[in-house]
N, C-alpha and C. Protein backbone atom coordinates (compact mmCIF):
# COMPACT_ATOMS: atom_id res chain seq x y z
N MET A 1 40.63 -128.48 -150.19
CA MET A 1 40.23 -127.59 -150.73
C MET A 1 39.33 -127.63 -151.78
N VAL A 2 38.34 -126.71 -151.86
CA VAL A 2 36.78 -126.48 -152.55
C VAL A 2 37.52 -125.98 -153.77
N PRO A 3 37.04 -126.69 -154.83
CA PRO A 3 37.65 -126.28 -156.41
C PRO A 3 36.32 -124.50 -155.96
N ASP A 4 37.65 -123.85 -157.46
CA ASP A 4 36.58 -122.80 -157.64
C ASP A 4 35.16 -122.57 -158.74
N ILE A 5 34.80 -122.59 -158.61
CA ILE A 5 33.44 -123.11 -159.14
C ILE A 5 33.14 -121.71 -160.03
N GLU A 6 33.86 -120.39 -160.07
CA GLU A 6 33.70 -119.46 -161.04
C GLU A 6 34.39 -119.85 -162.19
N LEU A 7 33.81 -119.41 -163.23
CA LEU A 7 34.14 -119.64 -164.62
C LEU A 7 35.56 -118.50 -164.91
N LYS A 8 36.54 -119.08 -165.22
CA LYS A 8 37.66 -117.91 -165.18
C LYS A 8 38.15 -118.15 -166.80
N GLU A 9 37.48 -118.81 -167.35
CA GLU A 9 37.56 -118.82 -168.90
C GLU A 9 36.32 -119.58 -169.38
N LYS A 10 36.06 -119.36 -170.97
CA LYS A 10 35.11 -120.23 -171.53
C LYS A 10 34.91 -121.36 -171.06
N ARG A 11 34.42 -122.18 -170.99
CA ARG A 11 34.15 -123.34 -170.35
C ARG A 11 32.47 -123.62 -170.63
N MET A 12 32.19 -125.08 -171.22
CA MET A 12 30.98 -125.01 -170.99
C MET A 12 30.61 -125.90 -170.05
N SER A 13 29.13 -125.51 -169.41
CA SER A 13 28.73 -125.93 -168.74
C SER A 13 28.35 -127.29 -168.25
N ILE A 14 28.51 -128.08 -167.02
CA ILE A 14 28.25 -129.35 -167.27
C ILE A 14 27.15 -130.04 -167.15
N ASN A 15 26.22 -129.11 -167.27
CA ASN A 15 24.41 -128.93 -167.73
C ASN A 15 23.82 -130.70 -167.10
N ILE A 16 23.70 -130.83 -165.84
CA ILE A 16 23.69 -132.28 -165.60
C ILE A 16 22.13 -132.81 -165.72
N GLN A 17 21.63 -133.59 -166.27
CA GLN A 17 20.53 -134.26 -166.71
C GLN A 17 20.23 -135.51 -165.30
N THR A 18 18.80 -134.80 -164.97
CA THR A 18 18.35 -135.24 -163.65
C THR A 18 16.53 -135.24 -163.55
N PRO A 19 15.93 -136.63 -163.42
CA PRO A 19 14.82 -136.26 -162.93
C PRO A 19 14.50 -136.04 -161.54
N GLY A 20 15.57 -135.71 -160.78
CA GLY A 20 15.54 -135.21 -159.43
C GLY A 20 15.77 -135.76 -158.44
N VAL A 21 15.42 -136.08 -157.10
CA VAL A 21 16.29 -136.09 -155.96
C VAL A 21 15.89 -137.49 -156.00
N HIS A 22 17.51 -138.51 -156.02
CA HIS A 22 17.37 -139.76 -155.24
C HIS A 22 16.94 -140.27 -153.99
N HIS A 23 17.66 -139.62 -153.16
CA HIS A 23 17.68 -140.11 -151.84
C HIS A 23 18.26 -138.74 -150.95
N VAL A 24 17.62 -138.72 -149.26
CA VAL A 24 18.14 -137.88 -148.69
C VAL A 24 18.48 -138.51 -147.37
N THR A 25 20.15 -138.07 -146.93
CA THR A 25 20.06 -138.92 -145.44
C THR A 25 20.45 -138.32 -144.95
N LEU A 26 19.58 -138.42 -143.46
CA LEU A 26 19.86 -137.55 -141.84
C LEU A 26 20.54 -138.18 -141.21
N ARG A 27 21.62 -137.83 -140.30
CA ARG A 27 22.11 -138.45 -139.12
C ARG A 27 21.66 -137.65 -138.21
N VAL A 28 21.23 -138.74 -137.67
CA VAL A 28 20.41 -138.52 -136.15
C VAL A 28 21.02 -138.79 -134.51
N SER A 29 21.24 -138.60 -133.65
CA SER A 29 21.86 -138.58 -132.22
C SER A 29 21.24 -139.98 -131.89
N ASP A 30 19.79 -140.54 -132.06
CA ASP A 30 19.20 -141.63 -131.48
C ASP A 30 18.60 -142.05 -132.52
N TYR A 31 19.37 -143.64 -132.69
CA TYR A 31 18.81 -144.21 -133.95
C TYR A 31 17.37 -144.95 -133.23
N ASP A 32 16.74 -145.52 -132.30
CA ASP A 32 15.70 -145.68 -131.97
C ASP A 32 14.37 -145.13 -132.02
N ARG A 33 14.93 -143.57 -131.26
CA ARG A 33 13.90 -142.75 -131.09
C ARG A 33 13.45 -141.98 -132.75
N ALA A 34 14.50 -142.04 -133.31
CA ALA A 34 14.07 -141.53 -134.89
C ALA A 34 13.67 -142.49 -135.54
N ARG A 35 13.56 -143.71 -135.51
CA ARG A 35 12.60 -144.72 -136.32
C ARG A 35 11.51 -144.82 -135.45
N ARG A 36 11.32 -144.29 -134.21
CA ARG A 36 9.86 -144.57 -133.59
C ARG A 36 9.35 -142.58 -133.79
N PHE A 37 9.90 -142.13 -134.54
CA PHE A 37 9.24 -141.26 -134.71
C PHE A 37 8.76 -141.36 -136.55
N TYR A 38 9.90 -141.26 -137.07
CA TYR A 38 9.53 -141.82 -138.91
C TYR A 38 8.57 -142.71 -139.27
N ILE A 39 8.56 -144.19 -138.08
CA ILE A 39 7.55 -145.20 -138.63
C ILE A 39 6.53 -144.83 -137.62
N ASP A 40 6.77 -144.92 -136.36
CA ASP A 40 5.42 -144.99 -135.78
C ASP A 40 4.76 -144.15 -135.40
N THR A 41 4.74 -142.63 -135.62
CA THR A 41 4.52 -140.90 -135.39
C THR A 41 3.69 -140.70 -136.71
N LEU A 42 5.49 -140.60 -137.82
CA LEU A 42 4.60 -140.39 -139.10
C LEU A 42 3.93 -141.16 -139.64
N GLY A 43 4.00 -142.59 -139.87
CA GLY A 43 3.64 -143.71 -140.74
C GLY A 43 4.25 -143.73 -141.41
N PHE A 44 5.83 -143.49 -142.13
CA PHE A 44 6.28 -144.18 -143.16
C PHE A 44 6.53 -145.60 -143.05
N SER A 45 6.52 -146.56 -144.06
CA SER A 45 6.99 -147.63 -144.13
C SER A 45 7.93 -147.95 -144.27
N VAL A 46 8.54 -149.31 -143.53
CA VAL A 46 10.23 -148.97 -144.05
C VAL A 46 10.49 -149.93 -145.12
N ALA A 47 11.69 -149.19 -145.61
CA ALA A 47 11.35 -150.42 -147.05
C ALA A 47 12.94 -151.39 -147.23
N MET A 48 13.83 -150.39 -146.14
CA MET A 48 14.80 -151.48 -145.66
C MET A 48 15.34 -150.52 -144.20
N GLU A 49 16.02 -152.03 -143.67
CA GLU A 49 16.34 -151.79 -141.92
C GLU A 49 17.57 -152.36 -142.14
N VAL A 50 18.82 -152.46 -141.75
CA VAL A 50 20.19 -152.43 -141.82
C VAL A 50 20.53 -152.06 -140.27
N PRO A 51 21.14 -152.85 -139.31
CA PRO A 51 21.77 -152.05 -138.03
C PRO A 51 22.55 -150.59 -138.59
N ASN A 52 21.84 -149.51 -137.81
CA ASN A 52 22.29 -148.21 -137.68
C ASN A 52 21.78 -147.72 -139.19
N LEU A 53 20.69 -148.04 -139.41
CA LEU A 53 20.57 -147.82 -141.14
C LEU A 53 18.84 -147.49 -141.25
N LEU A 54 17.77 -146.95 -141.74
CA LEU A 54 17.03 -147.25 -142.22
C LEU A 54 16.58 -146.06 -143.36
N ILE A 55 15.48 -147.10 -143.53
CA ILE A 55 15.13 -146.17 -145.51
C ILE A 55 13.76 -146.48 -145.53
N PHE A 56 13.01 -145.30 -145.63
CA PHE A 56 11.64 -145.58 -146.01
C PHE A 56 11.72 -144.18 -147.31
N PHE A 57 10.20 -144.51 -148.05
CA PHE A 57 10.07 -143.79 -149.00
C PHE A 57 9.25 -142.76 -148.62
N ALA A 58 9.13 -141.60 -149.24
CA ALA A 58 8.25 -140.59 -148.77
C ALA A 58 8.16 -139.74 -150.40
N GLY A 59 6.98 -140.62 -150.44
CA GLY A 59 6.50 -140.11 -152.39
C GLY A 59 7.23 -140.98 -152.78
N SER A 60 7.94 -140.72 -153.97
CA SER A 60 9.15 -141.50 -154.54
C SER A 60 10.55 -141.43 -154.57
N THR A 61 10.55 -140.59 -153.16
CA THR A 61 12.25 -140.15 -152.69
C THR A 61 12.43 -140.84 -151.52
N ALA A 62 13.62 -141.59 -151.14
CA ALA A 62 14.16 -142.25 -150.12
C ALA A 62 14.87 -141.50 -149.45
N ILE A 63 14.40 -141.57 -148.04
CA ILE A 63 14.69 -141.04 -147.29
C ILE A 63 15.36 -142.16 -145.74
N ALA A 64 16.94 -141.59 -145.61
CA ALA A 64 17.45 -142.66 -145.40
C ALA A 64 17.94 -141.82 -143.68
N VAL A 65 17.99 -143.04 -142.43
CA VAL A 65 18.43 -142.00 -141.43
C VAL A 65 19.10 -142.76 -140.63
N ARG A 66 20.70 -142.39 -140.80
CA ARG A 66 21.75 -142.99 -139.65
C ARG A 66 21.77 -142.79 -138.66
N GLY A 67 21.98 -143.57 -137.78
CA GLY A 67 22.52 -143.38 -136.41
C GLY A 67 23.57 -143.10 -136.27
N PRO A 68 23.88 -142.47 -135.32
CA PRO A 68 25.70 -141.83 -134.52
C PRO A 68 26.61 -142.82 -134.88
N GLU A 69 27.23 -142.20 -134.87
CA GLU A 69 28.87 -142.94 -135.32
C GLU A 69 29.74 -142.54 -134.15
N ALA A 70 30.95 -143.46 -134.19
CA ALA A 70 31.87 -143.01 -133.41
C ALA A 70 32.28 -141.38 -133.31
N GLN A 71 32.20 -141.03 -134.44
CA GLN A 71 32.81 -139.65 -135.05
C GLN A 71 31.98 -138.50 -134.77
N THR A 72 30.65 -139.21 -134.41
CA THR A 72 29.34 -137.82 -134.08
C THR A 72 29.87 -137.37 -132.62
N PRO A 73 29.74 -136.15 -132.95
CA PRO A 73 29.87 -135.26 -131.28
C PRO A 73 28.79 -135.40 -130.26
N THR A 74 29.15 -135.85 -129.24
CA THR A 74 28.19 -136.29 -128.01
C THR A 74 27.43 -134.92 -127.52
N GLY A 75 26.42 -134.71 -127.63
CA GLY A 75 25.30 -133.88 -127.35
C GLY A 75 24.82 -133.01 -128.58
N ASP A 76 25.68 -133.67 -129.72
CA ASP A 76 25.07 -132.69 -131.07
C ASP A 76 23.71 -132.61 -130.99
N VAL A 77 23.35 -131.50 -131.82
CA VAL A 77 22.11 -131.02 -132.15
C VAL A 77 22.37 -130.52 -133.29
N PHE A 78 21.10 -130.82 -134.23
CA PHE A 78 20.91 -130.14 -136.24
C PHE A 78 20.90 -128.58 -135.34
N ASN A 79 21.48 -127.72 -136.19
CA ASN A 79 21.33 -126.27 -136.34
C ASN A 79 21.16 -125.69 -137.96
N PRO A 80 20.14 -125.21 -138.49
CA PRO A 80 19.99 -125.00 -139.87
C PRO A 80 20.68 -124.13 -140.04
N PHE A 81 21.31 -123.20 -139.49
CA PHE A 81 21.75 -122.19 -139.49
C PHE A 81 23.32 -122.48 -139.64
N ARG A 82 23.63 -123.86 -140.08
CA ARG A 82 25.28 -124.37 -140.07
C ARG A 82 25.27 -124.51 -141.60
N VAL A 83 26.34 -124.30 -142.53
CA VAL A 83 26.43 -124.86 -143.80
C VAL A 83 25.91 -126.10 -143.98
N GLY A 84 25.06 -127.07 -144.71
CA GLY A 84 24.41 -128.06 -144.72
C GLY A 84 22.84 -128.10 -144.67
N LEU A 85 22.44 -128.98 -144.47
CA LEU A 85 20.89 -128.91 -144.44
C LEU A 85 20.34 -128.11 -143.88
N ASP A 86 19.39 -127.52 -144.23
CA ASP A 86 18.45 -126.33 -143.64
C ASP A 86 17.30 -127.28 -143.30
N HIS A 87 16.56 -127.36 -144.27
CA HIS A 87 14.87 -128.37 -143.77
C HIS A 87 14.97 -129.25 -144.87
N VAL A 88 14.04 -130.60 -144.85
CA VAL A 88 13.39 -131.27 -145.75
C VAL A 88 11.79 -130.77 -145.89
N ALA A 89 11.58 -130.71 -147.73
CA ALA A 89 10.24 -130.00 -147.67
C ALA A 89 9.11 -131.28 -148.42
N LEU A 90 8.37 -131.80 -148.09
CA LEU A 90 7.73 -133.09 -149.03
C LEU A 90 6.39 -132.31 -149.69
N ALA A 91 6.01 -132.93 -150.42
CA ALA A 91 4.91 -132.10 -151.74
C ALA A 91 3.58 -132.27 -151.18
N CYS A 92 2.80 -131.39 -151.15
CA CYS A 92 1.10 -131.77 -150.58
C CYS A 92 0.68 -131.20 -151.77
N THR A 93 -0.67 -131.95 -152.43
CA THR A 93 -1.25 -131.61 -153.26
C THR A 93 -2.99 -131.63 -153.26
N ASP A 94 -2.88 -131.61 -151.78
CA ASP A 94 -5.19 -131.70 -151.28
C ASP A 94 -4.62 -131.07 -149.88
N GLU A 95 -5.57 -129.67 -150.11
CA GLU A 95 -5.22 -128.89 -148.81
C GLU A 95 -6.29 -129.63 -147.55
N ALA A 96 -6.87 -130.48 -147.62
CA ALA A 96 -7.40 -131.07 -146.75
C ALA A 96 -6.38 -131.91 -145.92
N GLU A 97 -5.42 -132.66 -146.80
CA GLU A 97 -4.37 -133.55 -146.41
C GLU A 97 -3.41 -132.61 -145.58
N LEU A 98 -3.06 -131.21 -145.99
CA LEU A 98 -2.26 -130.72 -145.35
C LEU A 98 -3.23 -130.32 -144.09
N GLU A 99 -4.49 -129.88 -144.00
CA GLU A 99 -5.37 -129.72 -142.72
C GLU A 99 -5.36 -131.18 -141.65
N ARG A 100 -5.19 -132.11 -142.64
CA ARG A 100 -5.48 -133.19 -141.83
C ARG A 100 -3.66 -133.79 -141.39
N VAL A 101 -2.78 -133.43 -141.78
CA VAL A 101 -1.57 -133.57 -141.23
C VAL A 101 -0.92 -132.84 -140.00
N ALA A 102 -1.35 -131.57 -140.38
CA ALA A 102 -1.15 -130.69 -139.28
C ALA A 102 -1.88 -130.97 -137.94
N ALA A 103 -3.13 -131.36 -138.39
CA ALA A 103 -4.03 -131.65 -136.96
C ALA A 103 -2.98 -133.47 -136.27
N ALA A 104 -3.01 -133.39 -137.26
CA ALA A 104 -2.47 -134.82 -136.41
C ALA A 104 -1.05 -134.86 -136.04
N LEU A 105 -0.22 -134.07 -136.37
CA LEU A 105 0.94 -133.78 -135.85
C LEU A 105 0.60 -133.05 -134.11
N GLU A 106 -0.25 -131.95 -134.12
CA GLU A 106 -0.67 -132.13 -133.01
C GLU A 106 -0.98 -132.99 -132.38
N ASP A 107 -2.08 -133.51 -132.30
CA ASP A 107 -1.96 -134.75 -131.51
C ASP A 107 -1.58 -135.44 -131.07
N ALA A 108 -0.36 -135.44 -131.90
CA ALA A 108 0.48 -136.51 -131.97
C ALA A 108 1.52 -135.95 -130.84
N GLY A 109 1.59 -135.36 -130.67
CA GLY A 109 2.28 -133.89 -129.55
C GLY A 109 3.67 -133.57 -130.39
N VAL A 110 3.55 -133.59 -131.75
CA VAL A 110 4.77 -133.46 -132.79
C VAL A 110 4.86 -131.69 -132.96
N GLU A 111 6.11 -130.66 -132.44
CA GLU A 111 5.92 -129.37 -132.45
C GLU A 111 6.06 -129.18 -133.80
N ASN A 112 5.08 -128.52 -133.99
CA ASN A 112 4.81 -127.94 -135.48
C ASN A 112 4.16 -126.03 -134.98
N THR A 113 3.82 -125.60 -136.40
CA THR A 113 3.61 -124.57 -136.93
C THR A 113 2.02 -124.16 -137.13
N GLY A 114 1.21 -125.57 -137.35
CA GLY A 114 0.00 -125.63 -137.24
C GLY A 114 0.29 -125.10 -138.98
N VAL A 115 -1.02 -124.85 -139.65
CA VAL A 115 -1.25 -123.88 -141.62
C VAL A 115 -0.87 -123.12 -141.45
N LYS A 116 0.28 -122.61 -142.00
CA LYS A 116 0.63 -121.17 -142.74
C LYS A 116 0.92 -120.89 -144.01
N LEU A 117 0.82 -119.15 -143.83
CA LEU A 117 1.15 -119.12 -145.22
C LEU A 117 2.37 -118.83 -145.76
N ASP A 118 3.24 -119.00 -146.76
CA ASP A 118 4.32 -118.83 -147.15
C ASP A 118 4.47 -117.06 -147.79
N GLU A 119 4.43 -116.43 -147.60
CA GLU A 119 4.05 -115.06 -147.92
C GLU A 119 5.12 -114.80 -149.34
N THR A 120 5.97 -115.50 -149.30
CA THR A 120 7.32 -114.96 -150.57
C THR A 120 6.32 -116.08 -151.97
N LEU A 121 5.88 -117.04 -151.76
CA LEU A 121 5.42 -117.95 -152.69
C LEU A 121 4.17 -118.39 -152.50
N GLY A 122 3.64 -117.56 -151.59
CA GLY A 122 1.99 -117.97 -151.66
C GLY A 122 1.41 -118.96 -151.39
N LYS A 123 2.08 -119.67 -150.67
CA LYS A 123 1.80 -121.42 -150.83
C LYS A 123 1.61 -121.72 -149.23
N GLN A 124 1.03 -122.31 -148.84
CA GLN A 124 0.78 -123.09 -147.54
C GLN A 124 1.25 -124.40 -146.95
N TYR A 125 1.67 -124.07 -145.89
CA TYR A 125 2.65 -125.70 -145.58
C TYR A 125 2.62 -125.64 -143.90
N VAL A 126 2.75 -126.73 -143.52
CA VAL A 126 3.18 -126.93 -141.93
C VAL A 126 4.47 -127.29 -141.66
N ALA A 127 5.02 -126.92 -140.88
CA ALA A 127 7.01 -127.01 -140.94
C ALA A 127 6.82 -128.08 -139.72
N PHE A 128 7.49 -128.86 -138.76
CA PHE A 128 7.49 -129.56 -137.93
C PHE A 128 9.02 -130.09 -137.96
N LYS A 129 9.07 -130.31 -136.61
CA LYS A 129 10.46 -130.93 -136.29
C LYS A 129 10.65 -132.19 -135.85
N ASP A 130 11.49 -132.94 -136.03
CA ASP A 130 11.48 -134.49 -135.72
C ASP A 130 12.44 -134.53 -134.55
N PRO A 131 12.73 -135.43 -133.77
CA PRO A 131 13.77 -135.42 -132.28
C PRO A 131 14.71 -135.01 -132.79
N ASP A 132 15.63 -134.39 -133.50
CA ASP A 132 16.97 -133.84 -133.41
C ASP A 132 16.44 -132.85 -134.17
N ARG A 133 15.52 -132.24 -134.20
CA ARG A 133 14.76 -130.73 -134.19
C ARG A 133 15.27 -130.40 -135.49
N ILE A 134 15.18 -131.12 -136.46
CA ILE A 134 15.59 -131.38 -138.08
C ILE A 134 14.32 -130.70 -138.89
N GLN A 135 13.92 -129.81 -139.38
CA GLN A 135 12.78 -129.07 -139.44
C GLN A 135 12.35 -129.87 -141.11
N TRP A 136 10.75 -130.44 -140.79
CA TRP A 136 10.22 -130.98 -142.57
C TRP A 136 9.18 -129.95 -142.21
N GLU A 137 8.97 -129.75 -143.57
CA GLU A 137 7.54 -128.56 -144.07
C GLU A 137 6.67 -130.03 -145.35
N PHE A 138 5.60 -129.52 -144.96
CA PHE A 138 4.27 -130.63 -145.72
C PHE A 138 4.12 -129.15 -146.25
N TYR A 139 4.24 -129.14 -147.51
CA TYR A 139 3.82 -127.87 -148.51
C TYR A 139 3.32 -128.09 -149.40
N MET A 140 2.18 -127.10 -149.85
CA MET A 140 1.45 -127.29 -151.13
C MET A 140 2.14 -126.94 -152.34
N VAL A 141 2.02 -127.51 -153.75
CA VAL A 141 2.35 -127.26 -154.72
C VAL A 141 1.52 -126.67 -155.53
C-alpha cells in the first residue's frame, strides 16, 4: 500500500536536510558488458568491486552497477517511460569538455545526441545510452 502523501490535516512537513545525492544504483542485464562500458569506454575508476557489484564515482556521487539477479526478467530492457529511473545527468562546467566528451563518445561508437541545446533551460548537453539503453546526460551547469 502506498501511503497517502496529501496532507489531510495540518501536519509539519518532514523537511529533509541533505547535501545531495549519496549514490545511484543501476541494475544491468549483463554485468561484464556494463563494466567494460563504464570503466573501459567512459573511463571511470573503480572505487569498489565485489561479485555482481561495481561502484565508481562520478564527481562526488557514487554510482553502483549491479548485475542481474534470479528475479531479473530475461531479455528485460530499460524503458524511460516506466515508473522509476528516467535518466542520470552528470554536471559539466566547461563547454570545451562538453565538446570533447561528445566527440569521444562518437569516436568510441557510443550512441549519443551530439551537443544539443535544452530549449527549456537554455543549457547545452550531450545525451548517450549505456549498453542497457539507460540514458545519461553530460549537462552544462
